[in-house]
């Protein structure tokens, strides 16, 4: 608790130097909420299909808090309070090592993920190299598999859980040279100390299925691990419904290949 209070004080001093008094007070409220004690019955409340499949509003959920702008590239992002508290500890440690962690994406519920997915499904949102999938890929399964290279089907994203964050950049090359490599190397060496794990590592013998490598995506295991186990035991591909292309979930085997197709160290 003392360590957490010291982190809070240092963050507030930093913010006071860079924002107006009104903004600093708002940031203080956000960070204080994140450092509040965790609810003792956390797991009993969230081990449900609705939660795992993202069918809730994080802005209205008592376990969630907004992310302070000192930690994110924009406002309106949310995380679980326990996940955010762990991130703040990691952020402060990284800062001391000359590494600046910035959250680019956090919780996305079903509705949010549906907008992303259907945008790509209909061609309104182009994928890599400006490809319009509605025009280039008429076969439903093939189209879904193209989207699944980097985007989850609604109901199946780890970002539904409030435990997962995307950091600094959305492309692997950024993390392979210069400051990006320094940041990634630091995370590989130290993220586990704060409970974080990279779920989407390079594919190979240990991870033959799932999304392509995402060096920016990190998951808070103390909450994500029991949620993964719950999904394994309770979700079914036939339950993945309510959006364009959902019928392909059963044919593809999305639960086994994508929800569970993660870095074995994160299970």
C-alpha atoms as a PDB file:
ATOM      1  CA  UNK A   1       0.000   0.000   0.000  1.00  0.00           C
ATOM      2  CA  UNK A   2       2.866   2.392   0.835  1.00  0.00           C
ATOM      3  CA  UNK A   3       4.406   1.662  -2.548  1.00  0.00           C
ATOM      4  CA  UNK A   4       1.096   2.433  -4.244  1.00  0.00           C
ATOM      5  CA  UNK A   5       0.721   5.721  -2.367  1.00  0.00           C
ATOM      6  CA  UNK A   6       4.219   6.757  -3.390  1.00  0.00           C
ATOM      7  CA  UNK A   7       3.361   6.002  -7.006  1.00  0.00           C
ATOM      8  CA  UNK A   8       0.194   8.060  -6.725  1.00  0.00           C
ATOM      9  CA  UNK A   9       2.061  11.031  -5.252  1.00  0.00           C
ATOM     10  CA  UNK A  10       4.748  10.968  -7.927  1.00  0.00           C
ATOM     11  CA  UNK A  11       2.147  10.799 -10.683  1.00  0.00           C
ATOM     12  CA  UNK A  12       0.220  13.706  -9.256  1.00  0.00           C
ATOM     13  CA  UNK A  13       3.365  15.842  -9.072  1.00  0.00           C
ATOM     14  CA  UNK A  14       4.124  14.976 -12.698  1.00  0.00           C
ATOM     15  CA  UNK A  15       0.620  15.872 -13.783  1.00  0.00           C
ATOM     16  CA  UNK A  16       0.566  19.127 -11.838  1.00  0.00           C
ATOM     17  CA  UNK A  17       3.612  20.259 -13.793  1.00  0.00           C
ATOM     18  CA  UNK A  18       1.962  19.588 -17.132  1.00  0.00           C
ATOM     19  CA  UNK A  19      -1.725  20.353 -16.765  1.00  0.00           C
ATOM     20  CA  UNK A  20      -4.049  23.002 -15.405  1.00  0.00           C
ATOM     21  CA  UNK A  21      -5.299  22.761 -11.816  1.00  0.00           C
ATOM     22  CA  UNK A  22      -8.706  21.498 -12.980  1.00  0.00           C
ATOM     23  CA  UNK A  23      -7.147  18.829 -15.201  1.00  0.00           C
ATOM     24  CA  UNK A  24      -4.770  17.754 -12.445  1.00  0.00           C
ATOM     25  CA  UNK A  25      -7.662  17.297 -10.008  1.00  0.00           C
ATOM     26  CA  UNK A  26      -9.509  15.134 -12.546  1.00  0.00           C
ATOM     27  CA  UNK A  27      -6.389  13.038 -13.154  1.00  0.00           C
ATOM     28  CA  UNK A  28      -6.008  12.659  -9.377  1.00  0.00           C
ATOM     29  CA  UNK A  29      -9.514  11.220  -9.142  1.00  0.00           C
ATOM     30  CA  UNK A  30      -8.879   8.762 -11.975  1.00  0.00           C
ATOM     31  CA  UNK A  31      -5.599   7.474 -10.550  1.00  0.00           C
ATOM     32  CA  UNK A  32      -6.964   7.296  -7.000  1.00  0.00           C
ATOM     33  CA  UNK A  33      -9.822   5.118  -8.259  1.00  0.00           C
ATOM     34  CA  UNK A  34      -7.340   2.798  -9.923  1.00  0.00           C
ATOM     35  CA  UNK A  35      -5.403   2.388  -6.692  1.00  0.00           C
ATOM     36  CA  UNK A  36      -8.480   1.686  -4.593  1.00  0.00           C
ATOM     37  CA  UNK A  37      -8.587  -1.773  -2.943  1.00  0.00           C
ATOM     38  CA  UNK A  38      -9.793  -4.555  -5.225  1.00  0.00           C
ATOM     39  CA  UNK A  39     -13.230  -6.015  -4.608  1.00  0.00           C
ATOM     40  CA  UNK A  40     -12.877  -9.284  -2.629  1.00  0.00           C
ATOM     41  CA  UNK A  41     -15.476 -11.102  -4.738  1.00  0.00           C
ATOM     42  CA  UNK A  42     -14.022 -10.014  -8.088  1.00  0.00           C
ATOM     43  CA  UNK A  43     -13.868 -13.438  -9.749  1.00  0.00           C
ATOM     44  CA  UNK A  44     -17.282 -14.581  -8.581  1.00  0.00           C
ATOM     45  CA  UNK A  45     -18.796 -11.524 -10.266  1.00  0.00           C
ATOM     46  CA  UNK A  46     -17.026 -11.770 -13.597  1.00  0.00           C
ATOM     47  CA  UNK A  47     -16.902 -15.486 -14.322  1.00  0.00           C
ATOM     48  CA  UNK A  48     -19.983 -15.260 -16.520  1.00  0.00           C
ATOM     49  CA  UNK A  49     -20.529 -15.612 -20.247  1.00  0.00           C
ATOM     50  CA  UNK A  50     -21.815 -12.060 -20.550  1.00  0.00           C
ATOM     51  CA  UNK A  51     -18.629 -10.667 -19.036  1.00  0.00           C
ATOM     52  CA  UNK A  52     -16.237 -12.918 -20.941  1.00  0.00           C
ATOM     53  CA  UNK A  53     -18.041 -12.110 -24.195  1.00  0.00           C
ATOM     54  CA  UNK A  54     -17.915  -8.364 -23.558  1.00  0.00           C
ATOM     55  CA  UNK A  55     -21.620  -7.742 -23.073  1.00  0.00           C
ATOM     56  CA  UNK A  56     -21.393  -4.893 -20.577  1.00  0.00           C
ATOM     57  CA  UNK A  57     -20.413  -1.210 -20.498  1.00  0.00           C
ATOM     58  CA  UNK A  58     -17.040  -0.576 -18.814  1.00  0.00           C
ATOM     59  CA  UNK A  59     -18.003   3.047 -18.172  1.00  0.00           C
ATOM     60  CA  UNK A  60     -20.851   1.779 -15.963  1.00  0.00           C
ATOM     61  CA  UNK A  61     -19.075  -1.205 -14.370  1.00  0.00           C
ATOM     62  CA  UNK A  62     -17.910  -0.776 -10.770  1.00  0.00           C
ATOM     63  CA  UNK A  63     -14.685  -2.734 -11.337  1.00  0.00           C
ATOM     64  CA  UNK A  64     -13.512  -0.329 -14.060  1.00  0.00           C
ATOM     65  CA  UNK A  65     -11.971   3.121 -14.153  1.00  0.00           C
ATOM     66  CA  UNK A  66     -11.015   5.596 -16.849  1.00  0.00           C
ATOM     67  CA  UNK A  67      -7.326   5.730 -17.755  1.00  0.00           C
ATOM     68  CA  UNK A  68      -5.562   8.990 -16.923  1.00  0.00           C
ATOM     69  CA  UNK A  69      -4.152  10.905 -19.884  1.00  0.00           C
ATOM     70  CA  UNK A  70      -0.635  10.654 -18.455  1.00  0.00           C
ATOM     71  CA  UNK A  71      -0.820   6.945 -19.354  1.00  0.00           C
ATOM     72  CA  UNK A  72      -2.765   7.010 -22.648  1.00  0.00           C
ATOM     73  CA  UNK A  73      -2.744   8.615 -26.078  1.00  0.00           C
ATOM     74  CA  UNK A  74      -6.324   9.870 -25.673  1.00  0.00           C
ATOM     75  CA  UNK A  75      -9.209  10.048 -23.247  1.00  0.00           C
ATOM     76  CA  UNK A  76     -12.163   7.681 -23.000  1.00  0.00           C
ATOM     77  CA  UNK A  77     -10.167   4.486 -22.410  1.00  0.00           C
ATOM     78  CA  UNK A  78     -11.054   2.120 -19.562  1.00  0.00           C
ATOM     79  CA  UNK A  79      -9.393  -0.705 -17.646  1.00  0.00           C
ATOM     80  CA  UNK A  80     -10.217  -2.870 -14.683  1.00  0.00           C
ATOM     81  CA  UNK A  81      -9.015  -1.151 -11.511  1.00  0.00           C
ATOM     82  CA  UNK A  82      -6.754  -4.062 -10.565  1.00  0.00           C
ATOM     83  CA  UNK A  83      -5.211  -4.167 -14.037  1.00  0.00           C
ATOM     84  CA  UNK A  84      -4.691  -0.412 -14.071  1.00  0.00           C
ATOM     85  CA  UNK A  85      -3.065  -0.429 -10.627  1.00  0.00           C
ATOM     86  CA  UNK A  86      -0.597  -3.071 -11.836  1.00  0.00           C
ATOM     87  CA  UNK A  87       0.070  -1.076 -15.003  1.00  0.00           C
ATOM     88  CA  UNK A  88       0.839   2.055 -12.956  1.00  0.00           C
ATOM     89  CA  UNK A  89       3.491   0.134 -11.026  1.00  0.00           C
ATOM     90  CA  UNK A  90       4.972  -1.143 -14.280  1.00  0.00           C
ATOM     91  CA  UNK A  91       4.811   2.322 -15.844  1.00  0.00           C
ATOM     92  CA  UNK A  92       6.754   3.856 -12.953  1.00  0.00           C
ATOM     93  CA  UNK A  93       9.421   1.145 -13.057  1.00  0.00           C
ATOM     94  CA  UNK A  94       9.804   1.530 -16.808  1.00  0.00           C
ATOM     95  CA  UNK A  95      10.061   5.305 -16.438  1.00  0.00           C
ATOM     96  CA  UNK A  96      13.020   4.911 -14.110  1.00  0.00           C
ATOM     97  CA  UNK A  97      14.693   2.841 -16.831  1.00  0.00           C
ATOM     98  CA  UNK A  98      14.092   5.543 -19.436  1.00  0.00           C
ATOM     99  CA  UNK A  99      11.135   3.715 -21.006  1.00  0.00           C
ATOM    100  CA  UNK A 100       7.816   5.486 -21.628  1.00  0.00           C
ATOM    101  CA  UNK A 101       4.806   3.158 -21.779  1.00  0.00           C
ATOM    102  CA  UNK A 102       1.716   4.590 -23.444  1.00  0.00           C
ATOM    103  CA  UNK A 103      -1.636   2.793 -23.655  1.00  0.00           C
ATOM    104  CA  UNK A 104      -3.054   3.007 -27.182  1.00  0.00           C
ATOM    105  CA  UNK A 105      -6.029   0.693 -26.676  1.00  0.00           C
ATOM    106  CA  UNK A 106      -7.602  -0.963 -23.652  1.00  0.00           C
ATOM    107  CA  UNK A 107     -11.090  -2.331 -22.950  1.00  0.00           C
ATOM    108  CA  UNK A 108     -13.318  -2.906 -25.968  1.00  0.00           C
ATOM    109  CA  UNK A 109     -16.713  -4.401 -25.276  1.00  0.00           C
ATOM    110  CA  UNK A 110     -18.870  -6.414 -27.688  1.00  0.00           C
ATOM    111  CA  UNK A 111     -20.429  -3.337 -29.303  1.00  0.00           C
ATOM    112  CA  UNK A 112     -17.047  -1.732 -29.890  1.00  0.00           C
ATOM    113  CA  UNK A 113     -15.565  -4.907 -31.346  1.00  0.00           C
ATOM    114  CA  UNK A 114     -18.626  -5.360 -33.536  1.00  0.00           C
ATOM    115  CA  UNK A 115     -18.051  -1.932 -35.112  1.00  0.00           C
ATOM    116  CA  UNK A 116     -14.455  -2.842 -35.905  1.00  0.00           C
ATOM    117  CA  UNK A 117     -15.332  -6.289 -37.269  1.00  0.00           C
ATOM    118  CA  UNK A 118     -18.300  -5.241 -39.377  1.00  0.00           C
ATOM    119  CA  UNK A 119     -16.379  -2.268 -40.744  1.00  0.00           C
ATOM    120  CA  UNK A 120     -13.836  -4.700 -42.174  1.00  0.00           C
ATOM    121  CA  UNK A 121     -16.498  -7.242 -43.169  1.00  0.00           C
ATOM    122  CA  UNK A 122     -18.449  -4.715 -45.242  1.00  0.00           C
ATOM    123  CA  UNK A 123     -15.385  -3.030 -46.713  1.00  0.00           C
ATOM    124  CA  UNK A 124     -16.072   0.318 -45.055  1.00  0.00           C
ATOM    125  CA  UNK A 125     -12.884  -0.225 -43.088  1.00  0.00           C
ATOM    126  CA  UNK A 126      -9.947  -1.304 -45.253  1.00  0.00           C
ATOM    127  CA  UNK A 127      -7.453  -3.895 -44.053  1.00  0.00           C
ATOM    128  CA  UNK A 128      -3.753  -4.204 -44.845  1.00  0.00           C
ATOM    129  CA  UNK A 129      -2.652  -2.534 -48.088  1.00  0.00           C
ATOM    130  CA  UNK A 130      -6.049  -0.842 -48.441  1.00  0.00           C
ATOM    131  CA  UNK A 131      -7.880  -4.060 -49.316  1.00  0.00           C
ATOM    132  CA  UNK A 132     -11.684  -3.970 -49.397  1.00  0.00           C
ATOM    133  CA  UNK A 133     -12.628  -7.462 -48.216  1.00  0.00           C
ATOM    134  CA  UNK A 134     -16.246  -7.216 -49.353  1.00  0.00           C
ATOM    135  CA  UNK A 135     -14.940  -6.893 -52.910  1.00  0.00           C
ATOM    136  CA  UNK A 136     -11.802  -9.033 -52.814  1.00  0.00           C
ATOM    137  CA  UNK A 137     -13.055 -11.937 -50.687  1.00  0.00           C
ATOM    138  CA  UNK A 138     -16.691 -12.965 -51.284  1.00  0.00           C
ATOM    139  CA  UNK A 139     -16.325 -16.359 -49.569  1.00  0.00           C
ATOM    140  CA  UNK A 140     -17.456 -15.837 -45.924  1.00  0.00           C
ATOM    141  CA  UNK A 141     -14.930 -18.171 -44.284  1.00  0.00           C
ATOM    142  CA  UNK A 142     -12.016 -16.783 -46.270  1.00  0.00           C
ATOM    143  CA  UNK A 143     -13.102 -13.227 -45.459  1.00  0.00           C
ATOM    144  CA  UNK A 144     -13.386 -14.014 -41.752  1.00  0.00           C
ATOM    145  CA  UNK A 145      -9.939 -15.612 -41.731  1.00  0.00           C
ATOM    146  CA  UNK A 146      -8.439 -12.497 -43.304  1.00  0.00           C
ATOM    147  CA  UNK A 147      -9.984 -10.298 -40.614  1.00  0.00           C
ATOM    148  CA  UNK A 148      -8.811 -12.731 -37.933  1.00  0.00           C
ATOM    149  CA  UNK A 149      -5.188 -12.106 -38.839  1.00  0.00           C
ATOM    150  CA  UNK A 150      -5.299  -9.157 -36.442  1.00  0.00           C
ATOM    151  CA  UNK A 151      -8.902  -8.462 -35.336  1.00  0.00           C
ATOM    152  CA  UNK A 152     -11.031 -10.614 -33.050  1.00  0.00           C
ATOM    153  CA  UNK A 153     -14.595 -11.667 -33.642  1.00  0.00           C
ATOM    154  CA  UNK A 154     -17.013  -9.916 -31.272  1.00  0.00           C
ATOM    155  CA  UNK A 155     -17.491 -12.110 -28.155  1.00  0.00           C
ATOM    156  CA  UNK A 156     -13.954 -13.519 -28.433  1.00  0.00           C
ATOM    157  CA  UNK A 157     -11.542 -10.641 -27.807  1.00  0.00           C
ATOM    158  CA  UNK A 158      -9.305 -10.533 -24.733  1.00  0.00           C
ATOM    159  CA  UNK A 159      -9.906  -6.784 -24.821  1.00  0.00           C
ATOM    160  CA  UNK A 160     -13.448  -7.571 -23.625  1.00  0.00           C
ATOM    161  CA  UNK A 161     -11.999  -8.476 -20.232  1.00  0.00           C
ATOM    162  CA  UNK A 162     -10.464  -5.186 -19.131  1.00  0.00           C
ATOM    163  CA  UNK A 163      -7.172  -7.007 -18.593  1.00  0.00           C
ATOM    164  CA  UNK A 164      -5.454  -6.336 -21.917  1.00  0.00           C
ATOM    165  CA  UNK A 165      -3.624  -3.294 -23.244  1.00  0.00           C
ATOM    166  CA  UNK A 166      -1.971  -2.270 -26.494  1.00  0.00           C
ATOM    167  CA  UNK A 167       1.190  -0.240 -25.960  1.00  0.00           C
ATOM    168  CA  UNK A 168       2.900   2.510 -27.988  1.00  0.00           C
ATOM    169  CA  UNK A 169       2.463   1.248 -31.582  1.00  0.00           C
ATOM    170  CA  UNK A 170       0.372  -1.199 -33.620  1.00  0.00           C
ATOM    171  CA  UNK A 171       3.144  -2.626 -35.804  1.00  0.00           C
ATOM    172  CA  UNK A 172       5.852  -5.141 -35.010  1.00  0.00           C
ATOM    173  CA  UNK A 173       8.678  -3.336 -36.871  1.00  0.00           C
ATOM    174  CA  UNK A 174       8.452  -0.430 -34.398  1.00  0.00           C
ATOM    175  CA  UNK A 175       9.540  -2.806 -31.634  1.00  0.00           C
ATOM    176  CA  UNK A 176      12.498  -4.184 -33.582  1.00  0.00           C
ATOM    177  CA  UNK A 177      14.750  -1.108 -33.705  1.00  0.00           C
ATOM    178  CA  UNK A 178      15.673   1.946 -31.638  1.00  0.00           C
ATOM    179  CA  UNK A 179      13.426   3.075 -28.789  1.00  0.00           C
ATOM    180  CA  UNK A 180      10.776   0.543 -29.740  1.00  0.00           C
ATOM    181  CA  UNK A 181      13.226  -2.323 -29.298  1.00  0.00           C
ATOM    182  CA  UNK A 182      14.399  -0.912 -25.970  1.00  0.00           C
ATOM    183  CA  UNK A 183      10.782  -0.795 -24.830  1.00  0.00           C
ATOM    184  CA  UNK A 184       9.976  -4.320 -25.993  1.00  0.00           C
ATOM    185  CA  UNK A 185      13.173  -5.759 -24.501  1.00  0.00           C
ATOM    186  CA  UNK A 186      12.296  -4.121 -21.180  1.00  0.00           C
ATOM    187  CA  UNK A 187       8.793  -5.623 -21.269  1.00  0.00           C
ATOM    188  CA  UNK A 188      10.116  -9.090 -22.089  1.00  0.00           C
ATOM    189  CA  UNK A 189      12.518  -8.828 -19.158  1.00  0.00           C
ATOM    190  CA  UNK A 190      10.219  -7.198 -16.587  1.00  0.00           C
ATOM    191  CA  UNK A 191       6.493  -7.280 -17.487  1.00  0.00           C
ATOM    192  CA  UNK A 192       5.976 -10.603 -15.693  1.00  0.00           C
ATOM    193  CA  UNK A 193       7.098  -8.966 -12.434  1.00  0.00           C
ATOM    194  CA  UNK A 194       3.905  -6.902 -12.612  1.00  0.00           C
ATOM    195  CA  UNK A 195       1.639  -9.732 -13.794  1.00  0.00           C
ATOM    196  CA  UNK A 196       1.713  -9.011 -17.541  1.00  0.00           C
ATOM    197  CA  UNK A 197       2.290 -11.476 -20.389  1.00  0.00           C
ATOM    198  CA  UNK A 198       2.384 -11.175 -24.206  1.00  0.00           C
ATOM    199  CA  UNK A 199      -0.416 -13.494 -25.431  1.00  0.00           C
ATOM    200  CA  UNK A 200       0.312 -13.279 -29.151  1.00  0.00           C
ATOM    201  CA  UNK A 201       3.919 -14.240 -29.684  1.00  0.00           C
ATOM    202  CA  UNK A 202       5.367 -15.461 -32.984  1.00  0.00           C
ATOM    203  CA  UNK A 203       3.584 -18.530 -34.339  1.00  0.00           C
ATOM    204  CA  UNK A 204       5.427 -21.831 -34.282  1.00  0.00           C
ATOM    205  CA  UNK A 205       5.297 -25.329 -32.842  1.00  0.00           C
ATOM    206  CA  UNK A 206       4.157 -24.046 -29.438  1.00  0.00           C
ATOM    207  CA  UNK A 207       1.541 -21.678 -30.934  1.00  0.00           C
ATOM    208  CA  UNK A 208       0.447 -22.907 -34.358  1.00  0.00           C
ATOM    209  CA  UNK A 209      -2.951 -21.160 -34.358  1.00  0.00           C
ATOM    210  CA  UNK A 210      -4.425 -17.802 -33.471  1.00  0.00           C
ATOM    211  CA  UNK A 211      -3.692 -14.192 -34.258  1.00  0.00           C
ATOM    212  CA  UNK A 212      -0.434 -13.042 -35.766  1.00  0.00           C
ATOM    213  CA  UNK A 213       2.302 -11.821 -33.456  1.00  0.00           C
ATOM    214  CA  UNK A 214       1.472  -8.603 -31.583  1.00  0.00           C
ATOM    215  CA  UNK A 215       4.438  -7.223 -29.682  1.00  0.00           C
ATOM    216  CA  UNK A 216       2.258  -4.390 -28.441  1.00  0.00           C
ATOM    217  CA  UNK A 217      -0.413  -6.519 -26.746  1.00  0.00           C
ATOM    218  CA  UNK A 218       0.003  -7.386 -23.043  1.00  0.00           C
ATOM    219  CA  UNK A 219      -2.402  -9.147 -20.697  1.00  0.00           C
ATOM    220  CA  UNK A 220      -2.765  -8.961 -16.899  1.00  0.00           C
ATOM    221  CA  UNK A 221      -2.679 -12.621 -15.881  1.00  0.00           C
ATOM    222  CA  UNK A 222      -4.091 -12.612 -12.322  1.00  0.00           C
ATOM    223  CA  UNK A 223      -7.504 -11.870 -13.850  1.00  0.00           C
ATOM    224  CA  UNK A 224      -7.012 -12.995 -17.463  1.00  0.00           C
ATOM    225  CA  UNK A 225      -5.942 -16.549 -16.568  1.00  0.00           C
ATOM    226  CA  UNK A 226      -9.158 -17.507 -14.728  1.00  0.00           C
ATOM    227  CA  UNK A 227     -11.179 -15.826 -17.482  1.00  0.00           C
ATOM    228  CA  UNK A 228      -9.321 -17.880 -20.105  1.00  0.00           C
ATOM    229  CA  UNK A 229     -10.068 -21.058 -18.155  1.00  0.00           C
ATOM    230  CA  UNK A 230     -13.722 -20.080 -17.817  1.00  0.00           C
ATOM    231  CA  UNK A 231     -13.937 -19.449 -21.563  1.00  0.00           C
ATOM    232  CA  UNK A 232     -12.365 -22.829 -22.267  1.00  0.00           C
ATOM    233  CA  UNK A 233     -14.884 -24.611 -20.073  1.00  0.00           C
ATOM    234  CA  UNK A 234     -18.042 -22.641 -20.865  1.00  0.00           C
ATOM    235  CA  UNK A 235     -17.881 -20.938 -24.263  1.00  0.00           C
ATOM    236  CA  UNK A 236     -18.934 -22.616 -27.489  1.00  0.00           C
ATOM    237  CA  UNK A 237     -18.491 -21.479 -31.066  1.00  0.00           C
ATOM    238  CA  UNK A 238     -22.261 -21.691 -31.534  1.00  0.00           C
ATOM    239  CA  UNK A 239     -22.718 -18.957 -28.911  1.00  0.00           C
ATOM    240  CA  UNK A 240     -20.741 -16.467 -31.019  1.00  0.00           C
ATOM    241  CA  UNK A 241     -23.606 -14.561 -32.628  1.00  0.00           C
ATOM    242  CA  UNK A 242     -25.060 -11.136 -33.342  1.00  0.00           C
ATOM    243  CA  UNK A 243     -22.819  -9.693 -36.073  1.00  0.00           C
ATOM    244  CA  UNK A 244     -22.128 -10.071 -39.783  1.00  0.00           C
ATOM    245  CA  UNK A 245     -20.101 -13.205 -40.492  1.00  0.00           C
ATOM    246  CA  UNK A 246     -20.799 -14.815 -37.115  1.00  0.00           C
ATOM    247  CA  UNK A 247     -21.865 -18.054 -38.802  1.00  0.00           C
ATOM    248  CA  UNK A 248     -18.237 -18.742 -39.747  1.00  0.00           C
ATOM    249  CA  UNK A 249     -17.218 -19.135 -36.073  1.00  0.00           C
ATOM    250  CA  UNK A 250     -18.245 -22.782 -35.932  1.00  0.00           C
ATOM    251  CA  UNK A 251     -16.626 -23.656 -39.261  1.00  0.00           C
ATOM    252  CA  UNK A 252     -13.350 -21.994 -38.281  1.00  0.00           C
ATOM    253  CA  UNK A 253     -13.272 -23.227 -34.666  1.00  0.00           C
ATOM    254  CA  UNK A 254     -12.669 -19.765 -33.238  1.00  0.00           C
ATOM    255  CA  UNK A 255     -12.702 -20.788 -29.571  1.00  0.00           C
ATOM    256  CA  UNK A 256      -9.982 -23.412 -29.871  1.00  0.00           C
ATOM    257  CA  UNK A 257      -7.835 -21.702 -32.491  1.00  0.00           C
ATOM    258  CA  UNK A 258      -8.104 -18.054 -31.449  1.00  0.00           C
ATOM    259  CA  UNK A 259      -9.431 -17.585 -27.912  1.00  0.00           C
ATOM    260  CA  UNK A 260      -7.205 -20.405 -26.672  1.00  0.00           C
ATOM    261  CA  UNK A 261      -4.504 -20.031 -29.342  1.00  0.00           C
ATOM    262  CA  UNK A 262      -2.210 -17.965 -27.154  1.00  0.00           C
ATOM    263  CA  UNK A 263       1.318 -18.000 -25.775  1.00  0.00           C
ATOM    264  CA  UNK A 264       1.491 -21.038 -23.459  1.00  0.00           C
ATOM    265  CA  UNK A 265       3.200 -18.899 -20.816  1.00  0.00           C
ATOM    266  CA  UNK A 266      -0.019 -16.871 -20.526  1.00  0.00           C
ATOM    267  CA  UNK A 267      -2.279 -19.856 -19.783  1.00  0.00           C
END
